[in-house]
Amino acid sequence: MLERLREEVKKRVKEKRYIHILGVEEKAAELAEKYGVDEEKCRIAAILHDVAKEMEIKEMEKICRENFSDELTEKDIDISEILHGFVGYIVARDEFKISDESILNGIKYHTVGKKGLDTLGRIIYIADAIEKNRDYPGVENIRAEVAKDLDKGIIFEIDRKTNYLSSIGGKIHKNTMEMRDWLAENSNGR
């Protein structure tokens, strides 16, 4: 099944994106083993996380308006970077017949996160940010933190992202901040 998914996704994305997807799959599998999550499910979510990334923006906006009006505001829909996760959820469910909600939510929330996201979803979220092909200031520190504690590593990554976005006048999605606060609240006792 995994090989078939890889082949299908490879047809839909550019080579650079496919290399990234394989990097996310590798990191997700590593983290699944470390944090006791089903490796195959993590691999499926990782392979499919960017399946909709290269779809036309207008088509993604239409799909999001039809399916996620309860979760995405019009302002959210204007941020094209977040749409592909939500659209990927629909593609995975409808075209690839994935019915496991954990896998689907891992795909859906891999860019914005979500308060209460299960460990598989958090693995896909952070694997996307730190896979071996990612190269940005601080990525090595985030990788080191994730190797010690998944949730603290995610908090570290969100803090970096928040600082970066504020420096360029960007906006961080409310889900991301809610997830950060939820993780911080739940990791205080550890």
N, C-alpha and C. Protein backbone atom coordinates (compact mmCIF):
# COMPACT_ATOMS: atom_id res chain seq x y z
N MET A 1 0.80 -1.20 0.00
CA MET A 1 0.00 0.00 0.00
C MET A 1 0.85 1.28 0.00
N LEU A 2 1.92 1.27 0.81
CA LEU A 2 2.76 2.46 0.91
C LEU A 2 3.40 2.80 -0.43
N GLU A 3 3.87 1.77 -1.12
CA GLU A 3 4.51 2.02 -2.42
C GLU A 3 3.50 2.60 -3.42
N ARG A 4 2.28 2.09 -3.40
CA ARG A 4 1.24 2.60 -4.30
C ARG A 4 0.94 4.07 -3.98
N LEU A 5 0.86 4.40 -2.70
CA LEU A 5 0.62 5.79 -2.30
C LEU A 5 1.76 6.69 -2.78
N ARG A 6 3.00 6.23 -2.57
CA ARG A 6 4.15 7.03 -3.02
C ARG A 6 4.07 7.28 -4.53
N GLU A 7 3.76 6.23 -5.29
CA GLU A 7 3.67 6.37 -6.75
C GLU A 7 2.59 7.36 -7.16
N GLU A 8 1.43 7.29 -6.53
CA GLU A 8 0.33 8.20 -6.85
C GLU A 8 0.69 9.64 -6.50
N VAL A 9 1.29 9.84 -5.34
CA VAL A 9 1.66 11.19 -4.92
C VAL A 9 2.75 11.75 -5.84
N LYS A 10 3.70 10.91 -6.22
CA LYS A 10 4.80 11.35 -7.08
C LYS A 10 4.27 11.93 -8.40
N LYS A 11 3.15 11.40 -8.89
CA LYS A 11 2.55 11.90 -10.14
C LYS A 11 1.94 13.29 -9.96
N ARG A 12 1.63 13.66 -8.73
CA ARG A 12 0.88 14.90 -8.47
C ARG A 12 1.74 16.09 -8.05
N VAL A 13 3.01 15.83 -7.72
CA VAL A 13 3.85 16.91 -7.20
C VAL A 13 5.17 16.99 -7.96
N LYS A 14 5.81 18.15 -7.86
CA LYS A 14 7.13 18.33 -8.47
C LYS A 14 8.17 17.51 -7.69
N GLU A 15 9.30 17.26 -8.34
CA GLU A 15 10.33 16.41 -7.74
C GLU A 15 10.81 16.95 -6.39
N LYS A 16 11.01 18.26 -6.28
CA LYS A 16 11.48 18.84 -5.02
C LYS A 16 10.47 18.57 -3.89
N ARG A 17 9.20 18.70 -4.18
CA ARG A 17 8.15 18.44 -3.18
C ARG A 17 8.16 16.95 -2.81
N TYR A 18 8.34 16.08 -3.81
CA TYR A 18 8.35 14.64 -3.53
C TYR A 18 9.52 14.27 -2.62
N ILE A 19 10.67 14.87 -2.84
CA ILE A 19 11.83 14.63 -1.98
C ILE A 19 11.51 15.06 -0.54
N HIS A 20 10.83 16.20 -0.41
CA HIS A 20 10.40 16.67 0.91
C HIS A 20 9.45 15.65 1.55
N ILE A 21 8.50 15.16 0.79
CA ILE A 21 7.52 14.19 1.30
C ILE A 21 8.24 12.93 1.81
N LEU A 22 9.21 12.45 1.06
CA LEU A 22 9.97 11.27 1.52
C LEU A 22 10.74 11.59 2.80
N GLY A 23 11.25 12.82 2.91
CA GLY A 23 11.93 13.24 4.14
C GLY A 23 10.98 13.26 5.33
N VAL A 24 9.75 13.75 5.11
CA VAL A 24 8.75 13.77 6.18
C VAL A 24 8.39 12.33 6.57
N GLU A 25 8.25 11.46 5.57
CA GLU A 25 7.93 10.06 5.87
C GLU A 25 9.02 9.43 6.74
N GLU A 26 10.27 9.67 6.37
CA GLU A 26 11.40 9.10 7.12
C GLU A 26 11.41 9.62 8.57
N LYS A 27 11.23 10.94 8.74
CA LYS A 27 11.24 11.53 10.08
C LYS A 27 10.03 11.06 10.88
N ALA A 28 8.86 10.97 10.23
CA ALA A 28 7.65 10.52 10.92
C ALA A 28 7.80 9.08 11.40
N ALA A 29 8.41 8.22 10.58
CA ALA A 29 8.62 6.82 10.98
C ALA A 29 9.56 6.74 12.18
N GLU A 30 10.61 7.55 12.15
CA GLU A 30 11.57 7.59 13.26
C GLU A 30 10.88 8.04 14.55
N LEU A 31 10.06 9.10 14.45
CA LEU A 31 9.37 9.62 15.63
C LEU A 31 8.27 8.66 16.10
N ALA A 32 7.64 7.96 15.16
CA ALA A 32 6.60 6.98 15.53
C ALA A 32 7.21 5.90 16.42
N GLU A 33 8.38 5.42 16.03
CA GLU A 33 9.05 4.39 16.83
C GLU A 33 9.42 4.94 18.20
N LYS A 34 9.96 6.14 18.23
CA LYS A 34 10.41 6.75 19.49
C LYS A 34 9.25 7.01 20.44
N TYR A 35 8.11 7.46 19.89
CA TYR A 35 6.99 7.89 20.74
C TYR A 35 5.82 6.90 20.76
N GLY A 36 6.04 5.67 20.26
CA GLY A 36 5.06 4.61 20.42
C GLY A 36 3.78 4.77 19.61
N VAL A 37 3.92 5.21 18.37
CA VAL A 37 2.76 5.40 17.49
C VAL A 37 2.88 4.41 16.33
N ASP A 38 1.77 3.97 15.78
CA ASP A 38 1.76 3.04 14.65
C ASP A 38 2.55 3.64 13.48
N GLU A 39 3.65 2.97 13.13
CA GLU A 39 4.54 3.48 12.09
C GLU A 39 3.86 3.55 10.73
N GLU A 40 3.10 2.52 10.37
CA GLU A 40 2.47 2.53 9.05
C GLU A 40 1.49 3.69 8.92
N LYS A 41 0.72 3.94 9.97
CA LYS A 41 -0.23 5.07 9.93
C LYS A 41 0.53 6.39 9.78
N CYS A 42 1.64 6.53 10.48
CA CYS A 42 2.46 7.74 10.35
C CYS A 42 3.00 7.88 8.94
N ARG A 43 3.43 6.77 8.37
CA ARG A 43 3.94 6.81 6.99
C ARG A 43 2.85 7.23 6.01
N ILE A 44 1.65 6.69 6.17
CA ILE A 44 0.54 7.04 5.27
C ILE A 44 0.25 8.53 5.36
N ALA A 45 0.13 9.05 6.58
CA ALA A 45 -0.14 10.48 6.76
C ALA A 45 0.98 11.33 6.18
N ALA A 46 2.21 10.91 6.39
CA ALA A 46 3.36 11.66 5.86
C ALA A 46 3.37 11.67 4.34
N ILE A 47 3.13 10.53 3.73
CA ILE A 47 3.13 10.44 2.26
C ILE A 47 2.03 11.33 1.68
N LEU A 48 0.89 11.39 2.35
CA LEU A 48 -0.25 12.14 1.81
C LEU A 48 -0.34 13.58 2.32
N HIS A 49 0.54 14.01 3.21
CA HIS A 49 0.35 15.33 3.83
C HIS A 49 0.37 16.48 2.83
N ASP A 50 1.13 16.37 1.77
CA ASP A 50 1.21 17.44 0.75
C ASP A 50 0.58 17.04 -0.58
N VAL A 51 -0.30 16.04 -0.57
CA VAL A 51 -0.89 15.54 -1.81
C VAL A 51 -1.63 16.64 -2.59
N ALA A 52 -2.16 17.63 -1.89
CA ALA A 52 -2.93 18.70 -2.54
C ALA A 52 -2.11 19.99 -2.70
N LYS A 53 -0.87 19.98 -2.32
CA LYS A 53 -0.04 21.20 -2.27
C LYS A 53 0.03 21.93 -3.60
N GLU A 54 0.03 21.21 -4.70
CA GLU A 54 0.20 21.86 -6.00
C GLU A 54 -1.10 22.01 -6.78
N MET A 55 -2.21 21.83 -6.07
CA MET A 55 -3.52 22.05 -6.68
C MET A 55 -3.73 23.55 -6.90
N GLU A 56 -4.56 23.90 -7.87
CA GLU A 56 -4.87 25.31 -8.13
C GLU A 56 -5.50 25.95 -6.89
N ILE A 57 -5.07 27.16 -6.57
CA ILE A 57 -5.56 27.87 -5.38
C ILE A 57 -7.08 28.02 -5.40
N LYS A 58 -7.64 28.41 -6.52
CA LYS A 58 -9.10 28.61 -6.61
C LYS A 58 -9.85 27.32 -6.30
N GLU A 59 -9.32 26.20 -6.76
CA GLU A 59 -9.95 24.90 -6.48
C GLU A 59 -9.86 24.58 -4.98
N MET A 60 -8.70 24.86 -4.38
CA MET A 60 -8.55 24.61 -2.94
C MET A 60 -9.50 25.50 -2.15
N GLU A 61 -9.61 26.76 -2.54
CA GLU A 61 -10.53 27.67 -1.84
C GLU A 61 -11.96 27.15 -1.91
N LYS A 62 -12.36 26.68 -3.09
CA LYS A 62 -13.71 26.15 -3.29
C LYS A 62 -13.96 24.93 -2.38
N ILE A 63 -13.01 24.00 -2.37
CA ILE A 63 -13.14 22.79 -1.54
C ILE A 63 -13.23 23.18 -0.06
N CYS A 64 -12.42 24.13 0.36
CA CYS A 64 -12.44 24.54 1.77
C CYS A 64 -13.74 25.23 2.13
N ARG A 65 -14.26 26.07 1.25
CA ARG A 65 -15.55 26.72 1.53
C ARG A 65 -16.67 25.69 1.62
N GLU A 66 -16.63 24.68 0.77
CA GLU A 66 -17.68 23.66 0.76
C GLU A 66 -17.60 22.70 1.95
N ASN A 67 -16.40 22.47 2.45
CA ASN A 67 -16.22 21.42 3.47
C ASN A 67 -15.81 21.91 4.86
N PHE A 68 -15.23 23.10 4.95
CA PHE A 68 -14.66 23.51 6.23
C PHE A 68 -15.08 24.91 6.67
N SER A 69 -16.28 25.33 6.27
CA SER A 69 -16.74 26.68 6.65
C SER A 69 -16.90 26.81 8.16
N ASP A 70 -17.03 25.68 8.85
CA ASP A 70 -17.14 25.72 10.31
C ASP A 70 -15.77 25.91 10.98
N GLU A 71 -14.68 25.64 10.24
CA GLU A 71 -13.34 25.75 10.81
C GLU A 71 -12.51 26.88 10.24
N LEU A 72 -12.77 27.22 9.00
CA LEU A 72 -11.94 28.23 8.33
C LEU A 72 -12.76 29.48 8.03
N THR A 73 -12.25 30.61 8.45
CA THR A 73 -12.89 31.88 8.13
C THR A 73 -12.45 32.31 6.72
N GLU A 74 -13.08 33.33 6.20
CA GLU A 74 -12.65 33.86 4.89
C GLU A 74 -11.21 34.37 4.97
N LYS A 75 -10.83 34.93 6.13
CA LYS A 75 -9.44 35.38 6.30
C LYS A 75 -8.48 34.19 6.23
N ASP A 76 -8.90 33.07 6.83
CA ASP A 76 -8.07 31.85 6.76
C ASP A 76 -7.93 31.39 5.32
N ILE A 77 -9.03 31.43 4.59
CA ILE A 77 -9.01 30.95 3.20
C ILE A 77 -8.11 31.82 2.33
N ASP A 78 -7.92 33.07 2.73
CA ASP A 78 -7.00 33.95 2.00
C ASP A 78 -5.53 33.57 2.21
N ILE A 79 -5.25 32.76 3.24
CA ILE A 79 -3.87 32.32 3.50
C ILE A 79 -3.69 30.98 2.79
N SER A 80 -3.27 31.04 1.55
CA SER A 80 -3.23 29.84 0.71
C SER A 80 -2.34 28.74 1.30
N GLU A 81 -1.35 29.11 2.10
CA GLU A 81 -0.42 28.13 2.66
C GLU A 81 -1.10 27.10 3.54
N ILE A 82 -2.22 27.46 4.16
CA ILE A 82 -2.87 26.51 5.07
C ILE A 82 -3.91 25.63 4.40
N LEU A 83 -4.33 25.98 3.18
CA LEU A 83 -5.44 25.27 2.54
C LEU A 83 -5.12 23.83 2.17
N HIS A 84 -3.89 23.57 1.74
CA HIS A 84 -3.57 22.24 1.20
C HIS A 84 -3.72 21.12 2.22
N GLY A 85 -3.55 21.41 3.51
CA GLY A 85 -3.75 20.37 4.52
C GLY A 85 -5.21 19.97 4.61
N PHE A 86 -6.09 20.96 4.59
CA PHE A 86 -7.52 20.69 4.64
C PHE A 86 -7.99 19.98 3.38
N VAL A 87 -7.50 20.43 2.24
CA VAL A 87 -7.86 19.79 0.97
C VAL A 87 -7.25 18.39 0.90
N GLY A 88 -6.05 18.22 1.44
CA GLY A 88 -5.41 16.90 1.48
C GLY A 88 -6.25 15.91 2.26
N TYR A 89 -6.91 16.37 3.31
CA TYR A 89 -7.83 15.54 4.09
C TYR A 89 -8.91 14.98 3.17
N ILE A 90 -9.51 15.84 2.36
CA ILE A 90 -10.58 15.43 1.44
C ILE A 90 -10.05 14.47 0.39
N VAL A 91 -8.89 14.79 -0.18
CA VAL A 91 -8.29 13.92 -1.21
C VAL A 91 -7.97 12.54 -0.62
N ALA A 92 -7.36 12.52 0.57
CA ALA A 92 -7.02 11.25 1.21
C ALA A 92 -8.28 10.43 1.50
N ARG A 93 -9.30 11.09 1.99
CA ARG A 93 -10.54 10.39 2.34
C ARG A 93 -11.29 9.91 1.09
N ASP A 94 -11.45 10.79 0.11
CA ASP A 94 -12.30 10.48 -1.04
C ASP A 94 -11.59 9.72 -2.15
N GLU A 95 -10.36 10.10 -2.47
CA GLU A 95 -9.65 9.45 -3.57
C GLU A 95 -8.84 8.23 -3.13
N PHE A 96 -8.24 8.32 -1.94
CA PHE A 96 -7.40 7.22 -1.47
C PHE A 96 -8.11 6.32 -0.47
N LYS A 97 -9.37 6.66 -0.16
CA LYS A 97 -10.22 5.85 0.71
C LYS A 97 -9.63 5.63 2.10
N ILE A 98 -8.94 6.64 2.62
CA ILE A 98 -8.42 6.60 3.98
C ILE A 98 -9.57 6.98 4.90
N SER A 99 -9.86 6.11 5.88
CA SER A 99 -10.98 6.40 6.78
C SER A 99 -10.51 6.61 8.22
N ASP A 100 -9.26 6.35 8.51
CA ASP A 100 -8.73 6.51 9.86
C ASP A 100 -8.63 8.01 10.20
N GLU A 101 -9.41 8.43 11.19
CA GLU A 101 -9.45 9.86 11.54
C GLU A 101 -8.11 10.39 12.03
N SER A 102 -7.33 9.57 12.67
CA SER A 102 -6.01 10.00 13.14
C SER A 102 -5.12 10.36 11.95
N ILE A 103 -5.11 9.51 10.93
CA ILE A 103 -4.33 9.79 9.72
C ILE A 103 -4.87 11.04 9.04
N LEU A 104 -6.19 11.09 8.87
CA LEU A 104 -6.81 12.23 8.18
C LEU A 104 -6.52 13.55 8.92
N ASN A 105 -6.61 13.53 10.24
CA ASN A 105 -6.33 14.75 11.00
C ASN A 105 -4.86 15.13 10.96
N GLY A 106 -3.98 14.12 10.89
CA GLY A 106 -2.56 14.41 10.72
C GLY A 106 -2.30 15.18 9.44
N ILE A 107 -3.00 14.81 8.39
CA ILE A 107 -2.88 15.50 7.10
C ILE A 107 -3.51 16.89 7.20
N LYS A 108 -4.71 16.94 7.70
CA LYS A 108 -5.49 18.18 7.76
C LYS A 108 -4.78 19.28 8.56
N TYR A 109 -4.20 18.91 9.69
CA TYR A 109 -3.65 19.92 10.60
C TYR A 109 -2.12 20.02 10.57
N HIS A 110 -1.49 19.49 9.53
CA HIS A 110 -0.02 19.47 9.54
C HIS A 110 0.61 20.85 9.42
N THR A 111 -0.12 21.87 8.97
CA THR A 111 0.48 23.21 8.91
C THR A 111 0.04 24.10 10.05
N VAL A 112 -1.18 23.92 10.55
CA VAL A 112 -1.68 24.84 11.59
C VAL A 112 -1.77 24.20 12.96
N GLY A 113 -1.72 22.88 13.03
CA GLY A 113 -1.87 22.21 14.31
C GLY A 113 -3.30 22.33 14.82
N LYS A 114 -3.52 21.80 16.02
CA LYS A 114 -4.84 21.88 16.64
C LYS A 114 -4.73 21.45 18.10
N LYS A 115 -5.39 22.19 18.95
CA LYS A 115 -5.46 21.81 20.37
C LYS A 115 -6.06 20.41 20.45
N GLY A 116 -5.42 19.53 21.22
CA GLY A 116 -5.93 18.17 21.39
C GLY A 116 -5.50 17.20 20.30
N LEU A 117 -4.68 17.65 19.37
CA LEU A 117 -4.21 16.78 18.28
C LEU A 117 -3.48 15.58 18.87
N ASP A 118 -3.80 14.39 18.39
CA ASP A 118 -3.16 13.18 18.93
C ASP A 118 -1.68 13.12 18.55
N THR A 119 -1.00 12.14 19.11
CA THR A 119 0.46 12.05 18.90
C THR A 119 0.80 11.87 17.43
N LEU A 120 0.04 11.06 16.70
CA LEU A 120 0.31 10.91 15.26
C LEU A 120 0.24 12.27 14.57
N GLY A 121 -0.79 13.03 14.84
CA GLY A 121 -0.94 14.35 14.23
C GLY A 121 0.19 15.29 14.59
N ARG A 122 0.62 15.23 15.85
CA ARG A 122 1.74 16.09 16.27
C ARG A 122 3.04 15.65 15.60
N ILE A 123 3.19 14.36 15.39
CA ILE A 123 4.39 13.86 14.69
C ILE A 123 4.42 14.39 13.26
N ILE A 124 3.30 14.34 12.57
CA ILE A 124 3.27 14.83 11.18
C ILE A 124 3.53 16.33 11.17
N TYR A 125 2.93 17.06 12.10
CA TYR A 125 3.13 18.51 12.20
C TYR A 125 4.63 18.83 12.30
N ILE A 126 5.31 18.18 13.24
CA ILE A 126 6.72 18.53 13.47
C ILE A 126 7.64 17.88 12.43
N ALA A 127 7.32 16.69 11.93
CA ALA A 127 8.15 16.05 10.90
C ALA A 127 8.21 16.93 9.65
N ASP A 128 7.09 17.57 9.33
CA ASP A 128 7.04 18.48 8.18
C ASP A 128 8.02 19.65 8.37
N ALA A 129 8.18 20.10 9.60
CA ALA A 129 9.04 21.25 9.88
C ALA A 129 10.51 20.91 10.01
N ILE A 130 10.81 19.65 10.36
CA ILE A 130 12.22 19.35 10.69
C ILE A 130 12.83 18.22 9.87
N GLU A 131 12.13 17.73 8.85
CA GLU A 131 12.72 16.64 8.06
C GLU A 131 14.09 17.05 7.54
N LYS A 132 14.90 16.07 7.16
CA LYS A 132 16.33 16.29 6.88
C LYS A 132 16.63 17.32 5.79
N ASN A 133 15.67 17.60 4.91
CA ASN A 133 15.91 18.56 3.84
C ASN A 133 15.59 20.00 4.25
N ARG A 134 15.01 20.18 5.41
CA ARG A 134 14.71 21.53 5.90
C ARG A 134 15.99 22.18 6.38
N ASP A 135 16.17 23.44 6.01
CA ASP A 135 17.38 24.15 6.38
C ASP A 135 17.01 25.61 6.64
N TYR A 136 16.85 25.95 7.91
CA TYR A 136 16.55 27.33 8.30
C TYR A 136 17.18 27.56 9.66
N PRO A 137 17.37 28.82 10.03
CA PRO A 137 18.00 29.10 11.32
C PRO A 137 17.23 28.46 12.47
N GLY A 138 17.92 27.69 13.28
CA GLY A 138 17.31 27.08 14.45
C GLY A 138 16.78 25.67 14.25
N VAL A 139 16.77 25.16 13.02
CA VAL A 139 16.19 23.83 12.78
C VAL A 139 16.93 22.73 13.56
N GLU A 140 18.24 22.85 13.68
CA GLU A 140 19.01 21.84 14.43
C GLU A 140 18.60 21.83 15.91
N ASN A 141 18.36 23.02 16.46
CA ASN A 141 17.92 23.11 17.86
C ASN A 141 16.54 22.46 18.04
N ILE A 142 15.67 22.69 17.07
CA ILE A 142 14.33 22.09 17.15
C ILE A 142 14.43 20.58 17.04
N ARG A 143 15.24 20.08 16.12
CA ARG A 143 15.44 18.63 15.99
C ARG A 143 15.93 18.03 17.31
N ALA A 144 16.89 18.71 17.95
CA ALA A 144 17.45 18.21 19.21
C ALA A 144 16.37 18.19 20.31
N GLU A 145 15.55 19.22 20.34
CA GLU A 145 14.49 19.31 21.36
C GLU A 145 13.45 18.21 21.14
N VAL A 146 13.06 17.98 19.86
CA VAL A 146 12.07 16.94 19.53
C VAL A 146 12.61 15.56 19.90
N ALA A 147 13.91 15.36 19.75
CA ALA A 147 14.52 14.07 20.11
C ALA A 147 14.41 13.79 21.61
N LYS A 148 14.35 14.86 22.41
CA LYS A 148 14.23 14.71 23.86
C LYS A 148 12.78 14.64 24.31
N ASP A 149 11.94 15.50 23.73
CA ASP A 149 10.53 15.61 24.16
C ASP A 149 9.72 16.17 23.00
N LEU A 150 8.83 15.35 22.46
CA LEU A 150 8.05 15.73 21.28
C LEU A 150 7.32 17.06 21.49
N ASP A 151 6.57 17.16 22.57
CA ASP A 151 5.73 18.33 22.77
C ASP A 151 6.55 19.59 23.04
N LYS A 152 7.60 19.47 23.83
CA LYS A 152 8.45 20.64 24.07
C LYS A 152 9.15 21.07 22.79
N GLY A 153 9.49 20.10 21.93
CA GLY A 153 10.07 20.43 20.63
C GLY A 153 9.08 21.18 19.75
N ILE A 154 7.83 20.77 19.80
CA ILE A 154 6.80 21.46 19.02
C ILE A 154 6.61 22.89 19.54
N ILE A 155 6.59 23.06 20.85
CA ILE A 155 6.48 24.40 21.43
C ILE A 155 7.65 25.26 20.95
N PHE A 156 8.82 24.70 20.97
CA PHE A 156 10.04 25.39 20.53
C PHE A 156 9.88 25.83 19.07
N GLU A 157 9.35 24.93 18.23
CA GLU A 157 9.15 25.24 16.80
C GLU A 157 8.09 26.32 16.63
N ILE A 158 7.01 26.26 17.37
CA ILE A 158 5.95 27.27 17.26
C ILE A 158 6.48 28.64 17.70
N ASP A 159 7.26 28.67 18.75
CA ASP A 159 7.84 29.93 19.20
C ASP A 159 8.74 30.52 18.11
N ARG A 160 9.54 29.67 17.46
CA ARG A 160 10.41 30.14 16.38
C ARG A 160 9.56 30.69 15.23
N LYS A 161 8.52 29.93 14.87
CA LYS A 161 7.64 30.33 13.77
C LYS A 161 6.94 31.66 14.09
N THR A 162 6.48 31.80 15.32
CA THR A 162 5.79 33.02 15.74
C THR A 162 6.73 34.22 15.63
N ASN A 163 7.95 34.06 16.11
CA ASN A 163 8.94 35.15 16.02
C ASN A 163 9.23 35.50 14.57
N TYR A 164 9.41 34.49 13.75
CA TYR A 164 9.69 34.73 12.33
C TYR A 164 8.53 35.46 11.66
N LEU A 165 7.31 34.96 11.87
CA LEU A 165 6.15 35.58 11.22
C LEU A 165 5.94 37.01 11.70
N SER A 166 6.17 37.28 13.01
CA SER A 166 6.01 38.67 13.44
C SER A 166 7.08 39.57 12.84
N SER A 167 8.26 39.02 12.59
CA SER A 167 9.33 39.84 12.01
C SER A 167 9.03 40.23 10.56
N ILE A 168 8.21 39.44 9.87
CA ILE A 168 7.89 39.77 8.47
C ILE A 168 6.44 40.27 8.32
N GLY A 169 5.77 40.48 9.44
CA GLY A 169 4.39 40.96 9.39
C GLY A 169 3.39 39.88 9.02
N GLY A 170 3.78 38.61 9.19
CA GLY A 170 2.88 37.50 8.89
C GLY A 170 1.95 37.21 10.05
N LYS A 171 0.98 36.36 9.79
CA LYS A 171 -0.02 36.03 10.80
C LYS A 171 0.07 34.54 11.14
N ILE A 172 0.04 34.24 12.42
CA ILE A 172 0.03 32.84 12.85
C ILE A 172 -1.42 32.43 13.08
N HIS A 173 -1.76 31.26 12.63
CA HIS A 173 -3.14 30.79 12.74
C HIS A 173 -3.50 30.53 14.21
N LYS A 174 -4.73 30.81 14.59
CA LYS A 174 -5.18 30.64 15.97
C LYS A 174 -5.01 29.19 16.44
N ASN A 175 -5.21 28.21 15.55
CA ASN A 175 -5.03 26.80 15.92
C ASN A 175 -3.62 26.55 16.46
N THR A 176 -2.65 27.18 15.81
CA THR A 176 -1.25 26.96 16.19
C THR A 176 -1.01 27.44 17.61
N MET A 177 -1.52 28.62 17.91
CA MET A 177 -1.32 29.18 19.25
C MET A 177 -2.12 28.39 20.30
N GLU A 178 -3.31 27.95 19.93
CA GLU A 178 -4.10 27.13 20.86
C GLU A 178 -3.39 25.81 21.15
N MET A 179 -2.78 25.21 20.11
CA MET A 179 -2.04 23.97 20.31
C MET A 179 -0.82 24.23 21.20
N ARG A 180 -0.13 25.33 20.95
CA ARG A 180 1.05 25.66 21.75
C ARG A 180 0.67 25.79 23.22
N ASP A 181 -0.39 26.54 23.50
CA ASP A 181 -0.82 26.76 24.89
C ASP A 181 -1.25 25.45 25.54
N TRP A 182 -1.97 24.62 24.78
CA TRP A 182 -2.42 23.32 25.28
C TRP A 182 -1.23 22.43 25.62
N LEU A 183 -0.24 22.39 24.72
CA LEU A 183 0.96 21.58 24.96
C LEU A 183 1.73 22.09 26.17
N ALA A 184 1.87 23.41 26.28
CA ALA A 184 2.59 23.99 27.40
C ALA A 184 1.90 23.67 28.72
N GLU A 185 0.58 23.78 28.73
CA GLU A 185 -0.21 23.48 29.92
C GLU A 185 -0.05 22.01 30.33
N ASN A 186 -0.04 21.12 29.36
CA ASN A 186 0.03 19.69 29.64
C ASN A 186 1.45 19.18 29.90
N SER A 187 2.46 19.96 29.54
CA SER A 187 3.83 19.49 29.74
C SER A 187 4.46 20.10 30.99
N ASN A 188 3.74 20.99 31.66
CA ASN A 188 4.31 21.64 32.86
C ASN A 188 4.69 20.64 33.95
N GLY A 189 3.91 19.59 34.09
CA GLY A 189 4.20 18.62 35.14
C GLY A 189 5.27 17.62 34.80
N ARG A 190 5.77 17.65 33.57
CA ARG A 190 6.76 16.63 33.16
C ARG A 190 8.17 17.07 33.43
